[in-house]
């Protein structure tokens, strides 16, 4: 795709700007957008559901009405919550164009693609609809954002080679996470020649607010803020072409732009330090599971224990909706945490000597709304 440069670029995730009277605060948003454009970056990411359905409107008022169309690129998304049939897609798309105030989108994505909605997107002809919109010139490039396993991603890319790019959650804390599978997803995209757009490079801002011990490790390197290391980690992978960041202050824009524009992949010393930061974060997890997977082979209920503990740890530490979604993905077609029968086979073989049954009970209470 010629839209992407060789070096990873910074994208503005328009979903966390300051709000005023139920809308994007025009003064604050104008300043953020202007500074972002002044730094030489042009990519803005939105969706109907962002900012209580005010994100598209905010971009119209603060970006589209104030800057020439050729000076920016906009990515919007086809979200399953707003379309029930094939007949709904075009009216919804046209309402998005009107809401944003443009005649075309530079990028248009099938939104939050995963196993539980893949068939529905197929049934309503979403992939064909995106191809038509591109052929008509109303969309320049088509792709999808993805929240599921590497195996499903490979199936989708095999079946839909027309998809030009993939947007995935990718950061150094999730890199080897058994539920999120950041590394595996990246490798599938690379194998299929699909450029990667990164969401959550700072895990919702949490990697910009590290525990003191971890922050000191990065500070000692003298290379920038914790946030800059998170962004540069993603930018160090050659097939990552766009890194989205939800920016709320001018300092956020300045710091993020400086980290990306420097074009410096992490050095070996910096990668090593990131590894130590990851270890510190893992040590603070509620369940210190190493995902060795010995426990899974002998489980009579086919419970994906490491994936469940990954989601459990994330929910304990950060809260939010994301971990619940990954929990649901992980247990699809397998045993939920509440399916545990307490046989103890997992604990007999666990190298970390974890109280797996007790932790599964906690996960069942958290995710299944009942105690195991």
Protein backbone atom coordinates (compact mmCIF):
# COMPACT_ATOMS: atom_id res chain seq x y z
CA UNK A 1 0.00 0.00 0.00
CA UNK A 2 1.45 3.32 -1.05
CA UNK A 3 -0.48 5.08 1.74
CA UNK A 4 2.06 3.82 4.25
CA UNK A 5 5.66 4.98 4.50
CA UNK A 6 8.58 2.72 5.28
CA UNK A 7 8.82 4.12 8.80
CA UNK A 8 5.95 3.69 11.24
CA UNK A 9 3.75 6.77 11.53
CA UNK A 10 1.72 8.20 14.40
CA UNK A 11 -2.07 8.12 14.18
CA UNK A 12 -4.52 10.13 16.28
CA UNK A 13 -7.08 7.87 17.94
CA UNK A 14 -9.98 10.30 18.27
CA UNK A 15 -11.66 8.74 21.28
CA UNK A 16 -10.19 10.34 24.41
CA UNK A 17 -10.13 14.10 23.71
CA UNK A 18 -11.49 16.41 26.44
CA UNK A 19 -15.29 16.77 26.41
CA UNK A 20 -17.46 19.80 27.11
CA UNK A 21 -21.27 19.91 27.20
CA UNK A 22 -21.41 16.34 25.90
CA UNK A 23 -19.20 17.04 22.86
CA UNK A 24 -15.53 17.35 22.05
CA UNK A 25 -14.28 20.51 23.75
CA UNK A 26 -13.67 22.64 20.63
CA UNK A 27 -10.87 24.75 22.07
CA UNK A 28 -8.93 21.79 23.44
CA UNK A 29 -9.62 19.56 20.44
CA UNK A 30 -8.68 22.24 17.91
CA UNK A 31 -5.38 22.74 19.67
CA UNK A 32 -4.62 19.00 19.75
CA UNK A 33 -5.48 18.52 16.08
CA UNK A 34 -3.52 21.59 14.98
CA UNK A 35 -0.44 20.51 16.92
CA UNK A 36 -0.69 16.99 15.50
CA UNK A 37 -0.84 18.31 11.94
CA UNK A 38 2.00 20.75 12.62
CA UNK A 39 4.14 17.76 13.61
CA UNK A 40 3.62 16.35 10.13
CA UNK A 41 1.11 13.62 10.95
CA UNK A 42 -2.21 13.26 9.17
CA UNK A 43 -4.04 10.05 10.19
CA UNK A 44 -7.19 10.28 12.34
CA UNK A 45 -9.09 7.22 13.55
CA UNK A 46 -12.76 7.33 14.55
CA UNK A 47 -15.86 5.13 14.88
CA UNK A 48 -19.54 5.75 15.49
CA UNK A 49 -19.44 4.47 19.06
CA UNK A 50 -16.47 6.53 20.26
CA UNK A 51 -16.97 9.35 22.76
CA UNK A 52 -20.65 8.51 23.30
CA UNK A 53 -21.18 8.72 19.53
CA UNK A 54 -19.63 12.21 19.35
CA UNK A 55 -16.26 11.31 17.82
CA UNK A 56 -17.30 11.59 14.15
CA UNK A 57 -19.05 14.90 14.79
CA UNK A 58 -16.03 16.16 16.70
CA UNK A 59 -13.74 15.45 13.76
CA UNK A 60 -16.13 17.28 11.45
CA UNK A 61 -16.16 20.41 13.58
CA UNK A 62 -12.54 20.45 14.73
CA UNK A 63 -10.72 18.96 11.73
CA UNK A 64 -12.77 18.77 8.53
CA UNK A 65 -14.26 22.26 8.69
CA UNK A 66 -10.94 23.85 9.59
CA UNK A 67 -8.38 22.14 7.34
CA UNK A 68 -8.14 21.28 3.60
CA UNK A 69 -9.30 17.74 2.81
CA UNK A 70 -5.95 16.82 1.26
CA UNK A 71 -4.15 17.66 4.51
CA UNK A 72 -5.53 14.74 6.52
CA UNK A 73 -6.63 11.10 6.28
CA UNK A 74 -9.62 9.63 8.12
CA UNK A 75 -10.30 6.03 9.08
CA UNK A 76 -13.84 5.05 10.07
CA UNK A 77 -15.43 1.67 10.78
CA UNK A 78 -18.37 -0.60 10.03
CA UNK A 79 -19.56 -1.60 13.50
CA UNK A 80 -21.87 -4.61 13.79
CA UNK A 81 -24.00 -2.96 16.49
CA UNK A 82 -25.36 -0.50 13.92
CA UNK A 83 -26.20 -2.87 11.06
CA UNK A 84 -28.56 -5.84 11.18
CA UNK A 85 -28.68 -6.70 7.48
CA UNK A 86 -26.99 -6.01 4.16
CA UNK A 87 -29.58 -3.32 3.46
CA UNK A 88 -28.36 -1.39 6.51
CA UNK A 89 -24.74 -1.06 5.43
CA UNK A 90 -24.97 1.65 2.77
CA UNK A 91 -27.31 3.95 4.77
CA UNK A 92 -25.05 3.57 7.80
CA UNK A 93 -21.94 4.30 5.72
CA UNK A 94 -23.56 7.38 4.19
CA UNK A 95 -24.58 8.61 7.64
CA UNK A 96 -20.91 8.35 8.65
CA UNK A 97 -19.77 10.38 5.66
CA UNK A 98 -22.36 13.01 6.55
CA UNK A 99 -21.45 12.96 10.22
CA UNK A 100 -17.74 13.41 9.50
CA UNK A 101 -18.42 15.88 6.69
CA UNK A 102 -16.40 14.20 3.95
CA UNK A 103 -17.13 12.61 0.57
CA UNK A 104 -14.88 9.60 1.08
CA UNK A 105 -12.90 7.80 3.76
CA UNK A 106 -9.22 7.11 3.26
CA UNK A 107 -9.49 3.91 5.30
CA UNK A 108 -12.61 1.92 6.17
CA UNK A 109 -12.51 -1.04 8.54
CA UNK A 110 -14.74 -3.90 9.58
CA UNK A 111 -14.74 -3.13 13.29
CA UNK A 112 -13.66 -5.48 16.09
CA UNK A 113 -13.72 -8.64 14.00
CA UNK A 114 -13.73 -11.84 16.07
CA UNK A 115 -15.23 -15.32 16.03
CA UNK A 116 -18.50 -14.30 17.64
CA UNK A 117 -19.31 -11.79 14.88
CA UNK A 118 -17.33 -13.08 11.87
CA UNK A 119 -20.25 -15.15 10.57
CA UNK A 120 -22.63 -12.25 11.00
CA UNK A 121 -20.35 -9.99 8.97
CA UNK A 122 -20.30 -12.73 6.32
CA UNK A 123 -24.08 -13.11 6.41
CA UNK A 124 -24.72 -9.41 5.82
CA UNK A 125 -22.15 -9.22 3.02
CA UNK A 126 -19.79 -6.84 4.82
CA UNK A 127 -16.66 -7.85 2.92
CA UNK A 128 -18.41 -7.49 -0.44
CA UNK A 129 -19.84 -4.13 0.64
CA UNK A 130 -16.37 -2.81 1.45
CA UNK A 131 -15.07 -3.99 -1.91
CA UNK A 132 -17.91 -2.14 -3.67
CA UNK A 133 -17.27 1.05 -1.72
CA UNK A 134 -13.63 0.91 -2.70
CA UNK A 135 -14.46 0.25 -6.36
CA UNK A 136 -16.77 3.29 -6.30
CA UNK A 137 -14.01 5.49 -4.88
CA UNK A 138 -15.92 6.20 -1.67
CA UNK A 139 -13.25 4.37 0.31
CA UNK A 140 -9.57 4.35 -0.61
CA UNK A 141 -8.40 1.34 1.42
CA UNK A 142 -10.22 -1.48 3.23
CA UNK A 143 -9.22 -3.64 6.18
CA UNK A 144 -10.37 -4.70 9.62
CA UNK A 145 -9.58 -4.37 13.31
CA UNK A 146 -9.14 -7.71 15.03
CA UNK A 147 -9.53 -9.14 18.56
CA UNK A 148 -9.12 -12.90 18.48
CA UNK A 149 -6.67 -15.74 17.89
CA UNK A 150 -3.90 -15.99 15.33
CA UNK A 151 -5.55 -19.10 13.85
CA UNK A 152 -8.76 -17.20 13.12
CA UNK A 153 -6.80 -14.28 11.69
CA UNK A 154 -5.04 -16.62 9.27
CA UNK A 155 -8.39 -18.12 8.21
CA UNK A 156 -9.81 -14.66 7.51
CA UNK A 157 -6.78 -13.53 5.52
CA UNK A 158 -6.90 -16.73 3.45
CA UNK A 159 -10.58 -16.19 2.72
CA UNK A 160 -10.38 -12.44 2.14
CA UNK A 161 -7.14 -11.51 0.36
CA UNK A 162 -8.78 -8.22 -0.70
CA UNK A 163 -8.34 -6.91 2.83
CA UNK A 164 -5.37 -4.54 2.62
CA UNK A 165 -4.36 -4.07 6.25
CA UNK A 166 -5.08 -5.33 9.77
CA UNK A 167 -5.38 -3.38 13.01
CA UNK A 168 -4.37 -5.30 16.15
CA UNK A 169 -3.69 -4.69 19.83
CA UNK A 170 0.09 -4.66 20.18
CA UNK A 171 2.31 -3.59 23.07
CA UNK A 172 5.21 -4.99 25.03
CA UNK A 173 3.10 -6.21 27.94
CA UNK A 174 0.76 -8.16 25.63
CA UNK A 175 3.51 -9.34 23.28
CA UNK A 176 3.55 -12.95 24.52
CA UNK A 177 0.17 -12.85 26.27
CA UNK A 178 -1.58 -16.18 25.61
CA UNK A 179 -5.01 -14.55 25.33
CA UNK A 180 -4.15 -11.48 23.23
CA UNK A 181 -1.41 -13.12 21.13
CA UNK A 182 0.15 -9.88 19.91
CA UNK A 183 3.31 -11.48 18.58
CA UNK A 184 1.45 -14.31 16.82
CA UNK A 185 -1.02 -11.90 15.23
CA UNK A 186 1.83 -9.74 13.96
CA UNK A 187 3.58 -12.77 12.47
CA UNK A 188 0.42 -13.86 10.62
CA UNK A 189 0.03 -10.37 9.14
CA UNK A 190 3.68 -10.37 8.12
CA UNK A 191 3.35 -13.80 6.50
CA UNK A 192 0.39 -12.59 4.43
CA UNK A 193 2.02 -9.28 3.52
CA UNK A 194 -0.59 -7.17 5.32
CA UNK A 195 0.58 -3.89 6.89
CA UNK A 196 -0.24 -3.60 10.58
CA UNK A 197 -1.94 -0.71 12.33
CA UNK A 198 -1.43 -0.81 16.09
CA UNK A 199 -4.06 0.00 18.68
CA UNK A 200 -3.37 0.11 22.42
CA UNK A 201 0.42 0.58 22.12
CA UNK A 202 0.37 1.86 25.70
CA UNK A 203 -2.39 -0.50 26.90
CA UNK A 204 -4.92 2.27 27.44
CA UNK A 205 -2.25 4.62 28.80
CA UNK A 206 -1.17 2.19 31.52
CA UNK A 207 2.34 1.73 30.09
CA UNK A 208 2.80 5.48 30.46
CA UNK A 209 2.09 5.11 34.20
CA UNK A 210 4.48 2.39 35.28
CA UNK A 211 5.24 1.25 38.83
CA UNK A 212 8.14 3.23 40.28
CA UNK A 213 10.65 0.39 39.99
CA UNK A 214 9.82 -0.15 36.33
CA UNK A 215 9.81 3.57 35.52
CA UNK A 216 13.29 3.95 37.04
CA UNK A 217 14.63 1.20 34.79
CA UNK A 218 13.59 3.12 31.68
CA UNK A 219 14.54 6.51 33.08
CA UNK A 220 18.08 5.27 33.67
CA UNK A 221 18.45 4.76 29.92
CA UNK A 222 17.96 8.48 29.31
CA UNK A 223 15.96 7.91 26.13
CA UNK A 224 12.61 9.46 26.95
CA UNK A 225 9.38 8.92 28.86
CA UNK A 226 7.79 5.51 29.59
CA UNK A 227 5.24 6.30 26.87
CA UNK A 228 7.99 6.89 24.32
CA UNK A 229 9.43 3.43 24.98
CA UNK A 230 6.03 1.87 24.45
CA UNK A 231 5.63 3.62 21.11
CA UNK A 232 9.18 2.86 20.00
CA UNK A 233 8.70 -0.81 20.90
CA UNK A 234 5.85 -1.02 18.39
CA UNK A 235 7.76 1.06 15.83
CA UNK A 236 10.70 -1.36 16.02
CA UNK A 237 8.77 -4.00 14.04
CA UNK A 238 9.13 -3.35 10.30
CA UNK A 239 5.62 -4.39 9.23
CA UNK A 240 3.98 -1.99 11.69
CA UNK A 241 3.11 1.07 9.64
CA UNK A 242 0.75 3.08 11.87
CA UNK A 243 0.61 3.43 15.66
CA UNK A 244 -2.58 4.88 17.08
CA UNK A 245 -2.52 6.87 20.28
CA UNK A 246 -5.40 8.47 22.14
CA UNK A 247 -3.98 11.88 23.05
CA UNK A 248 -5.61 14.26 25.50
CA UNK A 249 -2.98 16.96 26.07
CA UNK A 250 -0.53 18.91 23.94
CA UNK A 251 2.26 17.27 25.91
CA UNK A 252 0.91 13.88 24.77
CA UNK A 253 1.11 15.02 21.15
CA UNK A 254 4.62 16.42 21.57
CA UNK A 255 5.97 13.35 23.38
CA UNK A 256 4.37 10.85 21.01
CA UNK A 257 5.45 12.74 17.90
CA UNK A 258 9.02 13.03 19.18
CA UNK A 259 9.18 9.28 19.89
CA UNK A 260 7.92 8.31 16.43
CA UNK A 261 9.62 11.00 14.35
CA UNK A 262 13.03 10.06 15.73
CA UNK A 263 12.71 6.81 13.78
CA UNK A 264 14.93 4.94 16.22
CA UNK A 265 14.19 1.24 16.78
CA UNK A 266 14.94 0.08 20.30
CA UNK A 267 18.54 -0.90 20.92
CA UNK A 268 19.41 -4.26 22.45
CA UNK A 269 19.90 -2.55 25.82
CA UNK A 270 16.48 -0.95 25.55
CA UNK A 271 14.82 -4.23 24.52
CA UNK A 272 16.49 -5.86 27.52
CA UNK A 273 15.18 -3.12 29.80
CA UNK A 274 11.68 -3.53 28.36
CA UNK A 275 11.96 -7.23 29.15
CA UNK A 276 12.78 -6.41 32.77
CA UNK A 277 9.84 -3.98 32.92
CA UNK A 278 7.59 -6.77 31.65
CA UNK A 279 8.91 -9.04 34.41
CA UNK A 280 8.10 -6.38 37.02
CA UNK A 281 4.57 -6.04 35.67
CA UNK A 282 4.14 -9.81 35.64
CA UNK A 283 5.39 -10.05 39.22
CA UNK A 284 2.57 -7.76 40.28
CA UNK A 285 -0.05 -9.99 38.69
CA UNK A 286 -2.62 -11.67 40.89
CA UNK A 287 -1.78 -15.07 39.36
CA UNK A 288 1.88 -15.60 38.50
CA UNK A 289 1.22 -17.99 35.64
CA UNK A 290 4.05 -18.45 33.13
CA UNK A 291 1.78 -20.00 30.46
CA UNK A 292 3.85 -23.20 30.28
CA UNK A 293 0.55 -25.01 29.51
CA UNK A 294 1.34 -28.19 31.43
CA UNK A 295 -1.99 -27.76 33.24
CA UNK A 296 -4.04 -27.74 30.03
CA UNK A 297 -3.13 -31.22 28.76
CA UNK A 298 -4.55 -33.05 31.75
CA UNK A 299 -7.65 -30.96 32.34
CA UNK A 300 -10.76 -33.17 31.89
CA UNK A 301 -12.92 -30.08 31.28
CA UNK A 302 -10.66 -28.63 28.55
CA UNK A 303 -10.26 -25.34 30.42
CA UNK A 304 -7.74 -22.93 28.79
CA UNK A 305 -6.19 -22.07 32.14
CA UNK A 306 -3.31 -19.77 31.04
CA UNK A 307 -5.62 -17.69 28.83
CA UNK A 308 -8.16 -17.36 31.64
CA UNK A 309 -5.46 -16.26 34.07
CA UNK A 310 -4.18 -13.72 31.54
CA UNK A 311 -7.64 -12.15 31.29
CA UNK A 312 -8.07 -12.38 35.06
CA UNK A 313 -4.76 -10.60 35.71
CA UNK A 314 -5.57 -7.84 33.23
CA UNK A 315 -9.01 -7.28 34.72
CA UNK A 316 -7.60 -7.22 38.25
CA UNK A 317 -4.90 -4.72 37.33
CA UNK A 318 -6.62 -2.44 34.83
CA UNK A 319 -10.35 -3.15 34.78
CA UNK A 320 -12.35 -2.18 31.70
CA UNK A 321 -14.09 -4.17 28.96
CA UNK A 322 -11.08 -5.48 27.09
CA UNK A 323 -10.20 -8.38 29.36
CA UNK A 324 -13.80 -9.61 29.42
CA UNK A 325 -13.79 -9.76 25.64
CA UNK A 326 -10.53 -11.73 25.60
CA UNK A 327 -11.89 -14.07 28.27
CA UNK A 328 -14.92 -14.79 26.08
CA UNK A 329 -12.67 -15.42 23.09
CA UNK A 330 -10.44 -17.77 25.07
CA UNK A 331 -13.21 -20.01 26.42
CA UNK A 332 -15.11 -20.26 23.15
CA UNK A 333 -15.67 -23.96 22.50
CA UNK A 334 -13.78 -24.84 25.68
CA UNK A 335 -14.42 -24.99 29.40
CA UNK A 336 -15.16 -21.77 31.23
CA UNK A 337 -13.54 -21.06 34.59
CA UNK A 338 -16.78 -22.17 36.27
CA UNK A 339 -16.50 -25.59 34.59
CA UNK A 340 -13.71 -26.61 36.98
CA UNK A 341 -14.65 -29.80 38.87
CA UNK A 342 -11.83 -29.42 41.40
CA UNK A 343 -9.98 -32.62 40.49
CA UNK A 344 -6.58 -31.00 41.13
CA UNK A 345 -4.81 -32.59 38.14
CA UNK A 346 -3.62 -29.13 37.08
CA UNK A 347 -2.07 -28.37 40.45
CA UNK A 348 -0.24 -31.69 40.58
CA UNK A 349 1.70 -30.76 37.45
CA UNK A 350 2.09 -26.96 37.82
CA UNK A 351 5.81 -26.00 38.01
CA UNK A 352 4.87 -22.77 39.82
CA UNK A 353 2.81 -24.66 42.44
CA UNK A 354 -0.12 -22.31 41.91
CA UNK A 355 -3.45 -22.75 43.66
CA UNK A 356 -5.12 -23.12 40.30
CA UNK A 357 -8.51 -24.24 41.59
CA UNK A 358 -8.71 -21.24 43.89
CA UNK A 359 -7.73 -18.83 41.11
CA UNK A 360 -10.22 -20.40 38.71
CA UNK A 361 -12.91 -19.84 41.32
CA UNK A 362 -11.94 -16.16 41.40
CA UNK A 363 -12.03 -15.97 37.62
CA UNK A 364 -15.42 -17.69 37.54
CA UNK A 365 -16.78 -15.14 39.98
CA UNK A 366 -15.31 -12.29 37.95
CA UNK A 367 -16.28 -13.44 34.45
CA UNK A 368 -19.03 -16.04 34.82
CA UNK A 369 -20.99 -14.23 37.52
CA UNK A 370 -20.89 -17.23 39.78
CA UNK A 371 -18.44 -19.13 41.94
CA UNK A 372 -16.88 -22.29 40.58
